[in-house]
Structures are given as C-alpha cells and as structure tokens.
Amino acid sequence: MLRFAKAVAILCLSATTLCFSGAAQAQATWDNPEEAVFVMGGRFTSDYFSDALTVWDNAYEDNFFAGVGYQRFIYEYSDFKLGFEAGIGLRGGYRSSLEVWTGAVARLDMFQIGDISIVPSLTAGFSLVTDTIGVESERAARIGHNVPILYYLGPEIAIGHAAHPEYEGFLRLQHRSGGFGTIANIDGSNAVVAGFRYKF
C-alpha cells in the first residue's frame, strides 16, 4: 500500500511538472475546453483498494453502485489534459445511500493501437455519502464512528475508436478512503464500475 501511495504521488508530481514546464513551450487550450458527461455502474467489493485493482479476482458484494458525472478539461499540453469532475451516484443493496464526489482529473491521450485509443486517467478529490454500505459499514464500526466525508480516488482506463472519438467506454475503481489516516483510519469502499462517456 505504501509503495502504491508513493507511485501515485510521483505520478501527480510528474504531471504537475509537465504542466508547468510545458506552459513555457506551448500555449494551453483555455479558449476551447473539452467537456464530457458519463454514466457508470457496477458492484462493490470487500477487498481493500490495492487488491481491488485486480478486478478479475475480487470478492464482490451484492451491493451495487450506479452514477452519472460531468467532466471539463481546462488545460491541455501535448497528450496531457487536466480538468475537474463532479458526480452523483446511488449506492444500493441491503441498505442504500447517495454519494456526491468532486475532484481534479488528469488524463493521457497517448496510447493508440490502430484506430483504438487506450486512455488512462485519474480523478482525485473528495466524496460525501449519506450512509455507509457493505464492508464500509463494518470498517466504520471498527473505528467507532461514521465516515461521511472521505477522499475520492478514481483510477480509470477508457477505450475509444477513431471513427467516433466523441464516445468511449471505460472501467473505473470508485474508491473512498481516509487517506492513510489524514481524515480517518479507514479504507472505506471500493466499487468496480463500467461506464460510457460522451465528449463534446
């Protein structure tokens, strides 16, 4: 887990350095921001974040997540884009709650196989829920209090086609956690979701 945290920190630092060093060499596209809307849904897993990344062997719960979101990219340099994201979702199962999240989103439009584009991205910010669900409820009980506000992290891989660049499908991990104890000592919830995005 510590190695993963260091890797994420290095990735964020590298992206930030790329933005500021590139600003002196290329003009950012502030005048024509790219926007997108998306829908997604999937199931929660009882695995911790680092284990949940291997989506093919997770211990999935009966609880599900379904949500919609909006993205706006306001800076672009070469294949790197930076913007913000906001979304709202339903967490359902044996009990239900709502989740609202927002954060910064960075993506790299640099991997191409023929007409197929493979786009990694990462959204990082904050998540607010009306109630816990699944294994998150058990983990909140162990620390002795509810966790309505936690950090949000959404690593994602999207796939598109050159014939219709405005559309893409994606796979994302919808993650809430206390950030190694900075908000709470909890790995809150992890849902593996598939989605569809329309860019305009």
C-alpha atoms as a PDB file:
ATOM      1  CA  MET A   1       0.000   0.000   0.000  1.00  0.00           C
ATOM      2  CA  LEU A   2       2.858   2.386   0.861  1.00  0.00           C
ATOM      3  CA  ARG A   3       4.543   1.641  -2.473  1.00  0.00           C
ATOM      4  CA  PHE A   4       1.293   2.403  -4.287  1.00  0.00           C
ATOM      5  CA  ALA A   5       0.906   5.703  -2.422  1.00  0.00           C
ATOM      6  CA  LYS A   6       4.442   6.687  -3.406  1.00  0.00           C
ATOM      7  CA  ALA A   7       3.731   5.771  -7.034  1.00  0.00           C
ATOM      8  CA  VAL A   8       0.579   7.918  -7.085  1.00  0.00           C
ATOM      9  CA  ALA A   9       2.481  10.818  -5.502  1.00  0.00           C
ATOM     10  CA  ILE A  10       5.252  10.532  -8.112  1.00  0.00           C
ATOM     11  CA  LEU A  11       2.675  10.398 -10.918  1.00  0.00           C
ATOM     12  CA  CYS A  12       0.930  13.532  -9.642  1.00  0.00           C
ATOM     13  CA  LEU A  13       4.227  15.371  -9.194  1.00  0.00           C
ATOM     14  CA  SER A  14       5.381  14.386 -12.679  1.00  0.00           C
ATOM     15  CA  ALA A  15       2.108  15.535 -14.227  1.00  0.00           C
ATOM     16  CA  THR A  16       2.302  18.856 -12.405  1.00  0.00           C
ATOM     17  CA  THR A  17       5.911  19.368 -13.508  1.00  0.00           C
ATOM     18  CA  LEU A  18       4.914  18.561 -17.096  1.00  0.00           C
ATOM     19  CA  CYS A  19       2.155  21.153 -16.983  1.00  0.00           C
ATOM     20  CA  PHE A  20       4.297  23.998 -15.700  1.00  0.00           C
ATOM     21  CA  SER A  21       7.395  23.218 -17.737  1.00  0.00           C
ATOM     22  CA  GLY A  22       5.275  22.799 -20.863  1.00  0.00           C
ATOM     23  CA  ALA A  23       3.491  26.097 -20.334  1.00  0.00           C
ATOM     24  CA  ALA A  24       6.636  27.952 -21.374  1.00  0.00           C
ATOM     25  CA  GLN A  25       6.855  25.972 -24.622  1.00  0.00           C
ATOM     26  CA  ALA A  26       3.238  25.560 -25.744  1.00  0.00           C
ATOM     27  CA  GLN A  27       0.053  27.521 -25.371  1.00  0.00           C
ATOM     28  CA  ALA A  28      -2.635  25.890 -23.236  1.00  0.00           C
ATOM     29  CA  THR A  29      -6.031  25.485 -24.854  1.00  0.00           C
ATOM     30  CA  TRP A  30      -8.004  27.650 -22.448  1.00  0.00           C
ATOM     31  CA  ASP A  31     -10.314  29.002 -25.173  1.00  0.00           C
ATOM     32  CA  ASN A  32     -11.891  25.677 -26.198  1.00  0.00           C
ATOM     33  CA  PRO A  33     -12.370  23.425 -23.168  1.00  0.00           C
ATOM     34  CA  GLU A  34     -13.414  19.826 -23.703  1.00  0.00           C
ATOM     35  CA  GLU A  35     -16.459  18.640 -21.773  1.00  0.00           C
ATOM     36  CA  ALA A  36     -17.961  15.226 -21.174  1.00  0.00           C
ATOM     37  CA  VAL A  37     -20.865  13.510 -19.471  1.00  0.00           C
ATOM     38  CA  PHE A  38     -20.884   9.876 -18.422  1.00  0.00           C
ATOM     39  CA  VAL A  39     -22.894   7.096 -16.804  1.00  0.00           C
ATOM     40  CA  MET A  40     -21.460   4.119 -14.947  1.00  0.00           C
ATOM     41  CA  GLY A  41     -22.430   1.210 -12.756  1.00  0.00           C
ATOM     42  CA  GLY A  42     -21.004  -1.848 -11.065  1.00  0.00           C
ATOM     43  CA  ARG A  43     -20.607  -3.823  -7.864  1.00  0.00           C
ATOM     44  CA  PHE A  44     -18.847  -3.162  -4.596  1.00  0.00           C
ATOM     45  CA  THR A  45     -16.013  -5.389  -3.470  1.00  0.00           C
ATOM     46  CA  SER A  46     -14.970  -6.223   0.071  1.00  0.00           C
ATOM     47  CA  ASP A  47     -11.300  -6.113  -0.951  1.00  0.00           C
ATOM     48  CA  TYR A  48      -9.031  -3.244   0.033  1.00  0.00           C
ATOM     49  CA  PHE A  49      -8.011  -0.682  -2.587  1.00  0.00           C
ATOM     50  CA  SER A  50      -4.721  -2.253  -3.677  1.00  0.00           C
ATOM     51  CA  ASP A  51      -6.371  -5.683  -4.029  1.00  0.00           C
ATOM     52  CA  ALA A  52      -9.492  -4.310  -5.734  1.00  0.00           C
ATOM     53  CA  LEU A  53      -7.383  -3.088  -8.653  1.00  0.00           C
ATOM     54  CA  THR A  54      -7.222  -6.706  -9.872  1.00  0.00           C
ATOM     55  CA  VAL A  55     -10.867  -6.656 -10.903  1.00  0.00           C
ATOM     56  CA  TRP A  56     -10.916 -10.260 -12.163  1.00  0.00           C
ATOM     57  CA  ASP A  57     -10.425 -11.866  -8.733  1.00  0.00           C
ATOM     58  CA  ASN A  58     -12.258  -9.575  -6.302  1.00  0.00           C
ATOM     59  CA  ALA A  59     -14.606 -10.709  -3.536  1.00  0.00           C
ATOM     60  CA  TYR A  60     -17.704  -8.948  -4.849  1.00  0.00           C
ATOM     61  CA  GLU A  61     -20.615  -7.957  -2.624  1.00  0.00           C
ATOM     62  CA  ASP A  62     -24.302  -7.964  -3.538  1.00  0.00           C
ATOM     63  CA  ASN A  63     -24.252  -4.163  -3.177  1.00  0.00           C
ATOM     64  CA  PHE A  64     -24.085  -2.041  -6.309  1.00  0.00           C
ATOM     65  CA  PHE A  65     -23.177   1.473  -7.442  1.00  0.00           C
ATOM     66  CA  ALA A  66     -24.814   3.487 -10.251  1.00  0.00           C
ATOM     67  CA  GLY A  67     -23.910   7.079 -11.048  1.00  0.00           C
ATOM     68  CA  VAL A  68     -23.634   9.940 -13.510  1.00  0.00           C
ATOM     69  CA  GLY A  69     -20.925  12.559 -13.846  1.00  0.00           C
ATOM     70  CA  TYR A  70     -19.575  15.580 -15.685  1.00  0.00           C
ATOM     71  CA  GLN A  71     -16.021  16.475 -16.700  1.00  0.00           C
ATOM     72  CA  ARG A  72     -14.496  19.701 -18.015  1.00  0.00           C
ATOM     73  CA  PHE A  73     -10.886  19.847 -19.175  1.00  0.00           C
ATOM     74  CA  ILE A  74      -9.423  23.333 -18.990  1.00  0.00           C
ATOM     75  CA  TYR A  75      -5.727  22.732 -19.717  1.00  0.00           C
ATOM     76  CA  GLU A  76      -4.021  20.717 -22.423  1.00  0.00           C
ATOM     77  CA  TYR A  77      -0.375  20.203 -23.257  1.00  0.00           C
ATOM     78  CA  SER A  78       0.557  17.629 -25.860  1.00  0.00           C
ATOM     79  CA  ASP A  79      -1.249  14.407 -24.810  1.00  0.00           C
ATOM     80  CA  PHE A  80      -1.883  15.537 -21.235  1.00  0.00           C
ATOM     81  CA  LYS A  81      -5.207  17.060 -20.150  1.00  0.00           C
ATOM     82  CA  LEU A  82      -6.180  18.489 -16.778  1.00  0.00           C
ATOM     83  CA  GLY A  83      -9.650  19.433 -15.566  1.00  0.00           C
ATOM     84  CA  PHE A  84     -12.280  18.734 -12.946  1.00  0.00           C
ATOM     85  CA  GLU A  85     -15.051  16.217 -12.393  1.00  0.00           C
ATOM     86  CA  ALA A  86     -18.260  16.077 -10.370  1.00  0.00           C
ATOM     87  CA  GLY A  87     -20.763  13.273  -9.995  1.00  0.00           C
ATOM     88  CA  ILE A  88     -23.621  11.786  -8.032  1.00  0.00           C
ATOM     89  CA  GLY A  89     -24.442   8.139  -7.505  1.00  0.00           C
ATOM     90  CA  LEU A  90     -26.716   5.662  -5.775  1.00  0.00           C
ATOM     91  CA  ARG A  91     -25.191   3.003  -3.534  1.00  0.00           C
ATOM     92  CA  GLY A  92     -27.741   0.211  -3.145  1.00  0.00           C
ATOM     93  CA  GLY A  93     -28.197  -3.262  -1.712  1.00  0.00           C
ATOM     94  CA  TYR A  94     -29.337  -4.313   1.749  1.00  0.00           C
ATOM     95  CA  ARG A  95     -29.291  -0.587   2.556  1.00  0.00           C
ATOM     96  CA  SER A  96     -28.921   2.446   0.312  1.00  0.00           C
ATOM     97  CA  SER A  97     -27.218   5.831   0.301  1.00  0.00           C
ATOM     98  CA  LEU A  98     -26.249   8.625  -2.036  1.00  0.00           C
ATOM     99  CA  GLU A  99     -22.705   9.637  -2.934  1.00  0.00           C
ATOM    100  CA  VAL A 100     -21.561  13.003  -4.287  1.00  0.00           C
ATOM    101  CA  TRP A 101     -17.952  13.443  -5.357  1.00  0.00           C
ATOM    102  CA  THR A 102     -15.782  16.093  -6.968  1.00  0.00           C
ATOM    103  CA  GLY A 103     -12.116  16.471  -7.771  1.00  0.00           C
ATOM    104  CA  ALA A 104      -9.365  17.167 -10.271  1.00  0.00           C
ATOM    105  CA  VAL A 105      -8.986  14.795 -13.204  1.00  0.00           C
ATOM    106  CA  ALA A 106      -5.885  14.167 -15.312  1.00  0.00           C
ATOM    107  CA  ARG A 107      -5.743  12.010 -18.440  1.00  0.00           C
ATOM    108  CA  LEU A 108      -3.173  10.932 -21.026  1.00  0.00           C
ATOM    109  CA  ASP A 109      -4.370  10.598 -24.643  1.00  0.00           C
ATOM    110  CA  MET A 110      -1.180   8.953 -25.839  1.00  0.00           C
ATOM    111  CA  PHE A 111      -1.754   5.229 -26.382  1.00  0.00           C
ATOM    112  CA  GLN A 112      -3.004   4.198 -29.823  1.00  0.00           C
ATOM    113  CA  ILE A 113      -3.333   0.727 -31.382  1.00  0.00           C
ATOM    114  CA  GLY A 114      -4.537   1.257 -34.930  1.00  0.00           C
ATOM    115  CA  ASP A 115      -7.883   3.042 -34.631  1.00  0.00           C
ATOM    116  CA  ILE A 116      -8.249   2.086 -30.961  1.00  0.00           C
ATOM    117  CA  SER A 117      -7.261   4.575 -28.265  1.00  0.00           C
ATOM    118  CA  ILE A 118      -6.456   3.470 -24.705  1.00  0.00           C
ATOM    119  CA  VAL A 119      -6.665   6.366 -22.259  1.00  0.00           C
ATOM    120  CA  PRO A 120      -5.596   6.152 -18.593  1.00  0.00           C
ATOM    121  CA  SER A 121      -6.870   8.818 -16.219  1.00  0.00           C
ATOM    122  CA  LEU A 122      -7.039   9.558 -12.519  1.00  0.00           C
ATOM    123  CA  THR A 123      -9.594  11.591 -10.582  1.00  0.00           C
ATOM    124  CA  ALA A 124      -8.681  12.711  -7.054  1.00  0.00           C
ATOM    125  CA  GLY A 125     -10.816  14.757  -4.680  1.00  0.00           C
ATOM    126  CA  PHE A 126     -13.473  14.301  -2.003  1.00  0.00           C
ATOM    127  CA  SER A 127     -16.533  12.090  -1.546  1.00  0.00           C
ATOM    128  CA  LEU A 128     -19.628  12.704   0.590  1.00  0.00           C
ATOM    129  CA  VAL A 129     -22.154   9.939   1.363  1.00  0.00           C
ATOM    130  CA  THR A 130     -25.417   9.892   3.276  1.00  0.00           C
ATOM    131  CA  ASP A 131     -24.660   6.464   4.774  1.00  0.00           C
ATOM    132  CA  THR A 132     -22.109   3.679   4.636  1.00  0.00           C
ATOM    133  CA  ILE A 133     -22.728   0.400   2.841  1.00  0.00           C
ATOM    134  CA  GLY A 134     -21.372  -3.154   2.802  1.00  0.00           C
ATOM    135  CA  VAL A 135     -17.892  -3.702   4.173  1.00  0.00           C
ATOM    136  CA  GLU A 136     -17.551   0.066   4.616  1.00  0.00           C
ATOM    137  CA  SER A 137     -20.165  -0.154   7.405  1.00  0.00           C
ATOM    138  CA  GLU A 138     -18.113  -2.853   9.139  1.00  0.00           C
ATOM    139  CA  ARG A 139     -14.918  -0.825   8.840  1.00  0.00           C
ATOM    140  CA  ALA A 140     -16.651   2.306  10.156  1.00  0.00           C
ATOM    141  CA  ALA A 141     -17.950   0.290  13.145  1.00  0.00           C
ATOM    142  CA  ARG A 142     -14.406  -0.872  13.908  1.00  0.00           C
ATOM    143  CA  ILE A 143     -13.117   2.712  14.153  1.00  0.00           C
ATOM    144  CA  GLY A 144     -16.175   3.746  16.177  1.00  0.00           C
ATOM    145  CA  HIS A 145     -17.699   6.496  14.026  1.00  0.00           C
ATOM    146  CA  ASN A 146     -19.328   7.221  10.662  1.00  0.00           C
ATOM    147  CA  VAL A 147     -17.249   8.496   7.742  1.00  0.00           C
ATOM    148  CA  PRO A 148     -19.500  10.717   5.591  1.00  0.00           C
ATOM    149  CA  ILE A 149     -16.600  12.697   4.065  1.00  0.00           C
ATOM    150  CA  LEU A 150     -13.542  10.876   2.743  1.00  0.00           C
ATOM    151  CA  TYR A 151     -11.023  11.265  -0.044  1.00  0.00           C
ATOM    152  CA  TYR A 152     -12.115  10.144  -3.506  1.00  0.00           C
ATOM    153  CA  LEU A 153      -9.868   8.341  -5.965  1.00  0.00           C
ATOM    154  CA  GLY A 154     -10.961   7.082  -9.377  1.00  0.00           C
ATOM    155  CA  PRO A 155      -8.269   5.362 -11.453  1.00  0.00           C
ATOM    156  CA  GLU A 156      -9.667   4.580 -14.899  1.00  0.00           C
ATOM    157  CA  ILE A 157      -8.889   3.031 -18.269  1.00  0.00           C
ATOM    158  CA  ALA A 158     -11.014   4.200 -21.222  1.00  0.00           C
ATOM    159  CA  ILE A 159     -11.217   2.779 -24.746  1.00  0.00           C
ATOM    160  CA  GLY A 160     -12.351   4.700 -27.825  1.00  0.00           C
ATOM    161  CA  HIS A 161     -12.348   4.402 -31.620  1.00  0.00           C
ATOM    162  CA  ALA A 162     -11.116   6.906 -34.204  1.00  0.00           C
ATOM    163  CA  ALA A 163     -14.370   6.633 -36.173  1.00  0.00           C
ATOM    164  CA  HIS A 164     -16.313   8.072 -33.221  1.00  0.00           C
ATOM    165  CA  PRO A 165     -13.876   9.946 -30.952  1.00  0.00           C
ATOM    166  CA  GLU A 166     -16.745  11.550 -29.069  1.00  0.00           C
ATOM    167  CA  TYR A 167     -17.646   8.200 -27.460  1.00  0.00           C
ATOM    168  CA  GLU A 168     -15.660   5.949 -25.143  1.00  0.00           C
ATOM    169  CA  GLY A 169     -16.233   3.097 -22.752  1.00  0.00           C
ATOM    170  CA  PHE A 170     -14.293   2.806 -19.525  1.00  0.00           C
ATOM    171  CA  LEU A 171     -13.521   0.710 -16.456  1.00  0.00           C
ATOM    172  CA  ARG A 172     -13.013   2.539 -13.151  1.00  0.00           C
ATOM    173  CA  LEU A 173     -12.451   1.850  -9.474  1.00  0.00           C
ATOM    174  CA  GLN A 174     -14.772   4.066  -7.407  1.00  0.00           C
ATOM    175  CA  HIS A 175     -12.766   4.442  -4.198  1.00  0.00           C
ATOM    176  CA  ARG A 176     -13.333   6.238  -0.871  1.00  0.00           C
ATOM    177  CA  SER A 177     -10.771   6.266   1.914  1.00  0.00           C
ATOM    178  CA  GLY A 178      -9.332   8.224   4.804  1.00  0.00           C
ATOM    179  CA  GLY A 179      -6.011   8.855   3.089  1.00  0.00           C
ATOM    180  CA  PHE A 180      -3.740   6.866   5.419  1.00  0.00           C
ATOM    181  CA  GLY A 181      -5.400   8.363   8.490  1.00  0.00           C
ATOM    182  CA  THR A 182      -5.369  12.022   7.449  1.00  0.00           C
ATOM    183  CA  ILE A 183      -9.187  12.080   7.584  1.00  0.00           C
ATOM    184  CA  ALA A 184      -9.895   8.692   9.166  1.00  0.00           C
ATOM    185  CA  ASN A 185      -8.049   5.422   9.559  1.00  0.00           C
ATOM    186  CA  ILE A 186     -10.213   3.567   7.055  1.00  0.00           C
ATOM    187  CA  ASP A 187     -10.210   2.118   3.561  1.00  0.00           C
ATOM    188  CA  GLY A 188     -13.875   2.945   3.028  1.00  0.00           C
ATOM    189  CA  SER A 189     -15.445   1.429  -0.074  1.00  0.00           C
ATOM    190  CA  ASN A 190     -14.373   0.164  -3.466  1.00  0.00           C
ATOM    191  CA  ALA A 191     -16.703  -0.397  -6.402  1.00  0.00           C
ATOM    192  CA  VAL A 192     -15.619  -1.739  -9.774  1.00  0.00           C
ATOM    193  CA  VAL A 193     -17.704   0.078 -12.388  1.00  0.00           C
ATOM    194  CA  ALA A 194     -18.015   0.099 -16.157  1.00  0.00           C
ATOM    195  CA  GLY A 195     -19.239   3.200 -17.944  1.00  0.00           C
ATOM    196  CA  PHE A 196     -19.955   5.081 -21.146  1.00  0.00           C
ATOM    197  CA  ARG A 197     -18.821   8.663 -21.853  1.00  0.00           C
ATOM    198  CA  TYR A 198     -19.898  11.269 -24.416  1.00  0.00           C
ATOM    199  CA  LYS A 199     -17.417  14.080 -25.113  1.00  0.00           C
ATOM    200  CA  PHE A 200     -18.374  17.425 -26.643  1.00  0.00           C
END
